[in-house]
Amino acid sequence: MKMSLLEREIEQYSKKNLLFLKESAVIFFVWNVKILNFLYQKRNEFMTKTPVIYNYLLVLL
């Protein structure tokens, strides 16, 4: 009896954890897209003011 209760709790925790991981992945992806869009829109400004930093960012990506 106790073992099945423990198994059920572990299963519920696993489902919650998996859902959290999926939500985290979606949020991470959305923020990456937003950051890349921001950099793309500002690329001319970056290129004129600080081309070295911009090129460094491109290398990191």
PDB file of N, CA and C in Angstrom:
ATOM      1  N   MET A   1       0.834  -1.207   0.000  1.00  0.00           N
ATOM      2  CA  MET A   1       0.000   0.000   0.000  1.00  0.00           C
ATOM      3  C   MET A   1       0.870   1.260   0.000  1.00  0.00           C
ATOM      4  N   LYS A   2       1.826   1.301   0.943  1.00  0.00           N
ATOM      5  CA  LYS A   2       2.690   2.480   1.017  1.00  0.00           C
ATOM      6  C   LYS A   2       3.540   2.615  -0.246  1.00  0.00           C
ATOM      7  N   MET A   3       3.949   1.490  -0.793  1.00  0.00           N
ATOM      8  CA  MET A   3       4.794   1.540  -1.979  1.00  0.00           C
ATOM      9  C   MET A   3       4.024   2.127  -3.157  1.00  0.00           C
ATOM     10  N   SER A   4       2.772   1.728  -3.309  1.00  0.00           N
ATOM     11  CA  SER A   4       1.991   2.253  -4.432  1.00  0.00           C
ATOM     12  C   SER A   4       1.715   3.744  -4.237  1.00  0.00           C
ATOM     13  N   LEU A   5       1.509   4.168  -2.999  1.00  0.00           N
ATOM     14  CA  LEU A   5       1.306   5.592  -2.722  1.00  0.00           C
ATOM     15  C   LEU A   5       2.574   6.373  -3.058  1.00  0.00           C
ATOM     16  N   LEU A   6       3.701   5.827  -2.667  1.00  0.00           N
ATOM     17  CA  LEU A   6       4.983   6.461  -2.971  1.00  0.00           C
ATOM     18  C   LEU A   6       5.207   6.522  -4.484  1.00  0.00           C
ATOM     19  N   GLU A   7       4.877   5.444  -5.163  1.00  0.00           N
ATOM     20  CA  GLU A   7       5.027   5.422  -6.623  1.00  0.00           C
ATOM     21  C   GLU A   7       4.148   6.471  -7.280  1.00  0.00           C
ATOM     22  N   ARG A   8       2.910   6.622  -6.774  1.00  0.00           N
ATOM     23  CA  ARG A   8       2.000   7.629  -7.334  1.00  0.00           C
ATOM     24  C   ARG A   8       2.548   9.038  -7.122  1.00  0.00           C
ATOM     25  N   GLU A   9       3.085   9.301  -5.939  1.00  0.00           N
ATOM     26  CA  GLU A   9       3.655  10.623  -5.668  1.00  0.00           C
ATOM     27  C   GLU A   9       4.851  10.901  -6.580  1.00  0.00           C
ATOM     28  N   ILE A  10       5.681   9.896  -6.782  1.00  0.00           N
ATOM     29  CA  ILE A  10       6.836  10.056  -7.674  1.00  0.00           C
ATOM     30  C   ILE A  10       6.359  10.332  -9.096  1.00  0.00           C
ATOM     31  N   GLU A  11       5.314   9.629  -9.527  1.00  0.00           N
ATOM     32  CA  GLU A  11       4.785   9.829 -10.880  1.00  0.00           C
ATOM     33  C   GLU A  11       4.230  11.242 -11.045  1.00  0.00           C
ATOM     34  N   GLN A  12       3.494  11.722 -10.032  1.00  0.00           N
ATOM     35  CA  GLN A  12       2.949  13.083 -10.101  1.00  0.00           C
ATOM     36  C   GLN A  12       4.079  14.111 -10.136  1.00  0.00           C
ATOM     37  N   TYR A  13       5.082  13.899  -9.316  1.00  0.00           N
ATOM     38  CA  TYR A  13       6.221  14.820  -9.292  1.00  0.00           C
ATOM     39  C   TYR A  13       6.932  14.831 -10.641  1.00  0.00           C
ATOM     40  N   SER A  14       7.084  13.651 -11.244  1.00  0.00           N
ATOM     41  CA  SER A  14       7.748  13.559 -12.549  1.00  0.00           C
ATOM     42  C   SER A  14       6.970  14.317 -13.608  1.00  0.00           C
ATOM     43  N   LYS A  15       5.634  14.192 -13.591  1.00  0.00           N
ATOM     44  CA  LYS A  15       4.815  14.905 -14.573  1.00  0.00           C
ATOM     45  C   LYS A  15       4.938  16.413 -14.389  1.00  0.00           C
ATOM     46  N   LYS A  16       4.899  16.876 -13.136  1.00  0.00           N
ATOM     47  CA  LYS A  16       5.037  18.314 -12.873  1.00  0.00           C
ATOM     48  C   LYS A  16       6.406  18.811 -13.317  1.00  0.00           C
ATOM     49  N   ASN A  17       7.430  18.019 -13.041  1.00  0.00           N
ATOM     50  CA  ASN A  17       8.793  18.402 -13.405  1.00  0.00           C
ATOM     51  C   ASN A  17       8.946  18.471 -14.918  1.00  0.00           C
ATOM     52  N   LEU A  18       8.363  17.506 -15.631  1.00  0.00           N
ATOM     53  CA  LEU A  18       8.434  17.501 -17.093  1.00  0.00           C
ATOM     54  C   LEU A  18       7.714  18.713 -17.670  1.00  0.00           C
ATOM     55  N   LEU A  19       6.554  19.049 -17.102  1.00  0.00           N
ATOM     56  CA  LEU A  19       5.812  20.222 -17.558  1.00  0.00           C
ATOM     57  C   LEU A  19       6.631  21.485 -17.325  1.00  0.00           C
ATOM     58  N   PHE A  20       7.268  21.571 -16.162  1.00  0.00           N
ATOM     59  CA  PHE A  20       8.116  22.727 -15.853  1.00  0.00           C
ATOM     60  C   PHE A  20       9.263  22.841 -16.850  1.00  0.00           C
ATOM     61  N   LEU A  21       9.876  21.708 -17.193  1.00  0.00           N
ATOM     62  CA  LEU A  21      10.983  21.729 -18.152  1.00  0.00           C
ATOM     63  C   LEU A  21      10.514  22.184 -19.526  1.00  0.00           C
ATOM     64  N   LYS A  22       9.319  21.728 -19.938  1.00  0.00           N
ATOM     65  CA  LYS A  22       8.785  22.148 -21.240  1.00  0.00           C
ATOM     66  C   LYS A  22       8.519  23.647 -21.244  1.00  0.00           C
ATOM     67  N   GLU A  23       7.900  24.154 -20.161  1.00  0.00           N
ATOM     68  CA  GLU A  23       7.626  25.590 -20.072  1.00  0.00           C
ATOM     69  C   GLU A  23       8.927  26.386 -20.076  1.00  0.00           C
ATOM     70  N   SER A  24       9.928  25.902 -19.361  1.00  0.00           N
ATOM     71  CA  SER A  24      11.218  26.592 -19.313  1.00  0.00           C
ATOM     72  C   SER A  24      11.859  26.639 -20.693  1.00  0.00           C
ATOM     73  N   ALA A  25      11.771  25.540 -21.429  1.00  0.00           N
ATOM     74  CA  ALA A  25      12.352  25.505 -22.772  1.00  0.00           C
ATOM     75  C   ALA A  25      11.659  26.505 -23.688  1.00  0.00           C
ATOM     76  N   VAL A  26      10.333  26.599 -23.589  1.00  0.00           N
ATOM     77  CA  VAL A  26       9.587  27.545 -24.427  1.00  0.00           C
ATOM     78  C   VAL A  26       9.976  28.975 -24.078  1.00  0.00           C
ATOM     79  N   ILE A  27      10.037  29.285 -22.779  1.00  0.00           N
ATOM     80  CA  ILE A  27      10.399  30.638 -22.343  1.00  0.00           C
ATOM     81  C   ILE A  27      11.816  30.977 -22.809  1.00  0.00           C
ATOM     82  N   PHE A  28      12.740  30.029 -22.661  1.00  0.00           N
ATOM     83  CA  PHE A  28      14.124  30.245 -23.085  1.00  0.00           C
ATOM     84  C   PHE A  28      14.193  30.520 -24.586  1.00  0.00           C
ATOM     85  N   PHE A  29      13.448  29.730 -25.370  1.00  0.00           N
ATOM     86  CA  PHE A  29      13.435  29.916 -26.827  1.00  0.00           C
ATOM     87  C   PHE A  29      12.870  31.284 -27.197  1.00  0.00           C
ATOM     88  N   VAL A  30      11.764  31.679 -26.557  1.00  0.00           N
ATOM     89  CA  VAL A  30      11.134  32.973 -26.862  1.00  0.00           C
ATOM     90  C   VAL A  30      12.087  34.113 -26.538  1.00  0.00           C
ATOM     91  N   TRP A  31      12.755  34.044 -25.386  1.00  0.00           N
ATOM     92  CA  TRP A  31      13.683  35.117 -25.024  1.00  0.00           C
ATOM     93  C   TRP A  31      14.869  35.174 -25.980  1.00  0.00           C
ATOM     94  N   ASN A  32      15.344  34.001 -26.436  1.00  0.00           N
ATOM     95  CA  ASN A  32      16.433  34.005 -27.423  1.00  0.00           C
ATOM     96  C   ASN A  32      15.998  34.681 -28.703  1.00  0.00           C
ATOM     97  N   VAL A  33      14.780  34.393 -29.153  1.00  0.00           N
ATOM     98  CA  VAL A  33      14.267  35.024 -30.373  1.00  0.00           C
ATOM     99  C   VAL A  33      14.161  36.532 -30.184  1.00  0.00           C
ATOM    100  N   LYS A  34      13.668  36.958 -29.007  1.00  0.00           N
ATOM    101  CA  LYS A  34      13.545  38.398 -28.753  1.00  0.00           C
ATOM    102  C   LYS A  34      14.909  39.076 -28.751  1.00  0.00           C
ATOM    103  N   ILE A  35      15.889  38.455 -28.118  1.00  0.00           N
ATOM    104  CA  ILE A  35      17.234  39.037 -28.062  1.00  0.00           C
ATOM    105  C   ILE A  35      17.839  39.108 -29.460  1.00  0.00           C
ATOM    106  N   LEU A  36      17.669  38.039 -30.249  1.00  0.00           N
ATOM    107  CA  LEU A  36      18.214  38.045 -31.611  1.00  0.00           C
ATOM    108  C   LEU A  36      17.527  39.095 -32.472  1.00  0.00           C
ATOM    109  N   ASN A  37      16.220  39.254 -32.310  1.00  0.00           N
ATOM    110  CA  ASN A  37      15.507  40.296 -33.054  1.00  0.00           C
ATOM    111  C   ASN A  37      16.021  41.675 -32.677  1.00  0.00           C
ATOM    112  N   PHE A  38      16.233  41.886 -31.377  1.00  0.00           N
ATOM    113  CA  PHE A  38      16.748  43.173 -30.914  1.00  0.00           C
ATOM    114  C   PHE A  38      18.115  43.453 -31.527  1.00  0.00           C
ATOM    115  N   LEU A  39      18.990  42.451 -31.497  1.00  0.00           N
ATOM    116  CA  LEU A  39      20.326  42.634 -32.072  1.00  0.00           C
ATOM    117  C   LEU A  39      20.249  42.880 -33.573  1.00  0.00           C
ATOM    118  N   TYR A  40      19.339  42.181 -34.235  1.00  0.00           N
ATOM    119  CA  TYR A  40      19.210  42.355 -35.688  1.00  0.00           C
ATOM    120  C   TYR A  40      18.728  43.760 -36.026  1.00  0.00           C
ATOM    121  N   GLN A  41      17.764  44.263 -35.245  1.00  0.00           N
ATOM    122  CA  GLN A  41      17.238  45.604 -35.497  1.00  0.00           C
ATOM    123  C   GLN A  41      18.279  46.672 -35.196  1.00  0.00           C
ATOM    124  N   LYS A  42      19.108  46.433 -34.215  1.00  0.00           N
ATOM    125  CA  LYS A  42      20.089  47.429 -33.791  1.00  0.00           C
ATOM    126  C   LYS A  42      21.452  47.230 -34.451  1.00  0.00           C
ATOM    127  N   ARG A  43      21.543  46.316 -35.417  1.00  0.00           N
ATOM    128  CA  ARG A  43      22.868  45.967 -35.948  1.00  0.00           C
ATOM    129  C   ARG A  43      23.586  47.154 -36.577  1.00  0.00           C
ATOM    130  N   ASN A  44      22.859  48.035 -37.257  1.00  0.00           N
ATOM    131  CA  ASN A  44      23.515  49.193 -37.876  1.00  0.00           C
ATOM    132  C   ASN A  44      24.105  50.112 -36.811  1.00  0.00           C
ATOM    133  N   GLU A  45      23.337  50.317 -35.756  1.00  0.00           N
ATOM    134  CA  GLU A  45      23.823  51.147 -34.647  1.00  0.00           C
ATOM    135  C   GLU A  45      25.067  50.521 -34.012  1.00  0.00           C
ATOM    136  N   PHE A  46      25.017  49.204 -33.796  1.00  0.00           N
ATOM    137  CA  PHE A  46      26.166  48.515 -33.210  1.00  0.00           C
ATOM    138  C   PHE A  46      27.370  48.575 -34.145  1.00  0.00           C
ATOM    139  N   MET A  47      27.108  48.387 -35.427  1.00  0.00           N
ATOM    140  CA  MET A  47      28.215  48.354 -36.392  1.00  0.00           C
ATOM    141  C   MET A  47      28.915  49.706 -36.481  1.00  0.00           C
ATOM    142  N   THR A  48      28.153  50.793 -36.369  1.00  0.00           N
ATOM    143  CA  THR A  48      28.787  52.108 -36.480  1.00  0.00           C
ATOM    144  C   THR A  48      29.494  52.498 -35.188  1.00  0.00           C
ATOM    145  N   LYS A  49      28.887  52.134 -34.052  1.00  0.00           N
ATOM    146  CA  LYS A  49      29.452  52.581 -32.770  1.00  0.00           C
ATOM    147  C   LYS A  49      30.491  51.608 -32.228  1.00  0.00           C
ATOM    148  N   THR A  50      30.135  50.345 -32.174  1.00  0.00           N
ATOM    149  CA  THR A  50      31.040  49.371 -31.556  1.00  0.00           C
ATOM    150  C   THR A  50      31.105  48.098 -32.398  1.00  0.00           C
ATOM    151  N   PRO A  51      31.788  48.134 -33.521  1.00  0.00           N
ATOM    152  CA  PRO A  51      31.842  46.939 -34.373  1.00  0.00           C
ATOM    153  C   PRO A  51      32.564  45.760 -33.723  1.00  0.00           C
ATOM    154  N   VAL A  52      33.523  46.044 -32.865  1.00  0.00           N
ATOM    155  CA  VAL A  52      34.277  44.954 -32.235  1.00  0.00           C
ATOM    156  C   VAL A  52      33.373  44.153 -31.310  1.00  0.00           C
ATOM    157  N   ILE A  53      32.573  44.849 -30.503  1.00  0.00           N
ATOM    158  CA  ILE A  53      31.668  44.169 -29.574  1.00  0.00           C
ATOM    159  C   ILE A  53      30.618  43.381 -30.349  1.00  0.00           C
ATOM    160  N   TYR A  54      30.098  43.968 -31.417  1.00  0.00           N
ATOM    161  CA  TYR A  54      29.078  43.276 -32.212  1.00  0.00           C
ATOM    162  C   TYR A  54      29.648  42.010 -32.858  1.00  0.00           C
ATOM    163  N   ASN A  55      30.840  42.114 -33.395  1.00  0.00           N
ATOM    164  CA  ASN A  55      31.465  40.930 -34.001  1.00  0.00           C
ATOM    165  C   ASN A  55      31.736  39.865 -32.947  1.00  0.00           C
ATOM    166  N   TYR A  56      32.114  40.287 -31.757  1.00  0.00           N
ATOM    167  CA  TYR A  56      32.329  39.346 -30.667  1.00  0.00           C
ATOM    168  C   TYR A  56      31.030  38.625 -30.317  1.00  0.00           C
ATOM    169  N   LEU A  57      29.912  39.381 -30.270  1.00  0.00           N
ATOM    170  CA  LEU A  57      28.612  38.766 -30.000  1.00  0.00           C
ATOM    171  C   LEU A  57      28.245  37.758 -31.082  1.00  0.00           C
ATOM    172  N   LEU A  58      28.510  38.091 -32.331  1.00  0.00           N
ATOM    173  CA  LEU A  58      28.212  37.160 -33.422  1.00  0.00           C
ATOM    174  C   LEU A  58      29.028  35.879 -33.293  1.00  0.00           C
ATOM    175  N   VAL A  59      30.272  36.010 -32.874  1.00  0.00           N
ATOM    176  CA  VAL A  59      31.112  34.823 -32.696  1.00  0.00           C
ATOM    177  C   VAL A  59      30.557  33.955 -31.574  1.00  0.00           C
ATOM    178  N   LEU A  60      30.075  34.583 -30.501  1.00  0.00           N
ATOM    179  CA  LEU A  60      29.507  33.822 -29.392  1.00  0.00           C
ATOM    180  C   LEU A  60      28.249  33.073 -29.808  1.00  0.00           C
ATOM    181  N   LEU A  61      27.442  33.685 -30.672  1.00  0.00           N
ATOM    182  CA  LEU A  61      26.206  33.033 -31.116  1.00  0.00           C
ATOM    183  C   LEU A  61      26.538  31.933 -32.108  1.00  0.00           C
TER     184      LEU A  61
END
